Amino acid sequence: MPAIEKLEVELGPPGEVTIRVKRVRGARAYMHQYTAEPPTSETVWTNEGSTNAYHTFRGLKSYQKYWFRTVALGMNNQMEYSPVIDRVIQ
């Protein structure tokens, strides 16, 4: 599968954010993820699975910083990660 080069993060109403990647050829599903702590190799991510290349997270805390990424899932356990982007939620 090709690499995910860009992750778009769009702030919505208070507590909402939509993340989006360009559809990945060969991806069967996407795992949209966020964390409220700076990412490390031991970070536990909150996941939302989807067949869409975009997802809206709701219920996030206003004025808190979150980190976001998307993982494209393909056949034979193939995975491609997007860049990690951070935003402070409205």
Protein backbone atom coordinates (compact mmCIF):
# COMPACT_ATOMS: atom_id res chain seq x y z
CA MET A 1 0.00 0.00 0.00
CA PRO A 2 1.22 3.53 -0.63
CA ALA A 3 2.27 5.71 2.29
CA ILE A 4 -0.13 8.21 3.87
CA GLU A 5 1.61 11.51 3.38
CA LYS A 6 -0.91 13.93 4.88
CA LEU A 7 -3.50 13.97 7.66
CA GLU A 8 -6.03 16.80 7.66
CA VAL A 9 -7.44 17.85 11.03
CA GLU A 10 -10.49 20.12 11.00
CA LEU A 11 -11.86 21.64 14.19
CA GLY A 12 -15.64 21.66 14.44
CA PRO A 13 -18.05 22.75 17.16
CA PRO A 14 -16.75 22.58 20.75
CA GLY A 15 -15.51 19.07 21.54
CA GLU A 16 -15.48 17.89 17.91
CA VAL A 17 -12.74 17.30 15.36
CA THR A 18 -12.79 15.61 11.95
CA ILE A 19 -9.68 13.89 10.63
CA ARG A 20 -9.23 12.88 7.00
CA VAL A 21 -6.67 11.20 4.75
CA LYS A 22 -6.69 10.63 1.02
CA ARG A 23 -8.07 7.15 0.28
CA VAL A 24 -5.28 4.59 0.28
CA ARG A 25 -5.25 2.13 -2.63
CA GLY A 26 -5.50 -1.39 -1.21
CA ALA A 27 -6.87 -0.33 2.19
CA ARG A 28 -9.80 -2.40 3.40
CA ALA A 29 -10.45 -0.31 6.51
CA TYR A 30 -9.11 2.61 8.52
CA MET A 31 -8.41 3.00 12.23
CA HIS A 32 -8.77 6.62 13.31
CA GLN A 33 -6.95 7.33 16.56
CA TYR A 34 -6.33 10.02 19.16
CA THR A 35 -4.51 10.40 22.45
CA ALA A 36 -4.42 13.17 25.05
CA GLU A 37 -0.77 12.54 25.95
CA PRO A 38 2.32 13.21 23.84
CA PRO A 39 2.85 10.06 21.74
CA THR A 40 5.63 7.64 22.63
CA SER A 41 6.21 3.99 21.79
CA GLU A 42 4.03 3.10 24.81
CA THR A 43 1.11 5.44 24.09
CA VAL A 44 -2.36 3.96 24.34
CA TRP A 45 -4.50 5.33 21.50
CA THR A 46 -8.30 5.61 21.46
CA ASN A 47 -9.49 3.89 18.25
CA GLU A 48 -12.51 4.19 15.98
CA GLY A 49 -12.65 1.77 13.05
CA SER A 50 -14.27 2.66 9.74
CA THR A 51 -14.32 1.89 6.04
CA ASN A 52 -14.19 5.66 5.45
CA ALA A 53 -10.96 7.65 5.11
CA TYR A 54 -12.42 10.27 7.47
CA HIS A 55 -13.92 10.29 10.95
CA THR A 56 -15.41 12.81 13.40
CA PHE A 57 -14.53 12.44 17.07
CA ARG A 58 -17.07 13.92 19.50
CA GLY A 59 -16.99 14.50 23.25
CA LEU A 60 -13.39 15.70 23.43
CA LYS A 61 -12.47 18.15 26.20
CA SER A 62 -12.32 21.78 25.16
CA TYR A 63 -8.99 23.61 25.57
CA GLN A 64 -7.09 20.32 25.76
CA LYS A 65 -4.39 19.25 23.32
CA TYR A 66 -4.89 15.96 21.45
CA TRP A 67 -2.74 14.05 18.97
CA PHE A 68 -4.38 12.36 15.96
CA ARG A 69 -3.44 9.80 13.34
CA THR A 70 -5.06 7.35 10.92
CA VAL A 71 -3.93 3.82 10.14
CA ALA A 72 -4.85 2.25 6.80
CA LEU A 73 -5.38 -1.51 7.11
CA GLY A 74 -4.82 -3.79 4.12
CA MET A 75 -4.57 -7.47 3.33
CA ASN A 76 -2.05 -9.73 5.08
CA ASN A 77 -1.78 -7.40 8.09
CA GLN A 78 -0.46 -4.49 6.01
CA MET A 79 -0.62 -1.17 7.88
CA GLU A 80 0.29 2.36 6.85
CA TYR A 81 0.33 5.15 9.43
CA SER A 82 -0.40 8.79 8.74
CA PRO A 83 1.72 11.54 10.23
CA VAL A 84 0.70 12.49 13.80
CA ILE A 85 -0.91 15.94 14.05
CA ASP A 86 -1.79 17.78 17.27
CA ARG A 87 -4.53 20.32 17.90
CA VAL A 88 -6.04 22.15 20.87
CA ILE A 89 -9.78 21.47 20.86
CA GLN A 90 -12.28 24.33 20.92
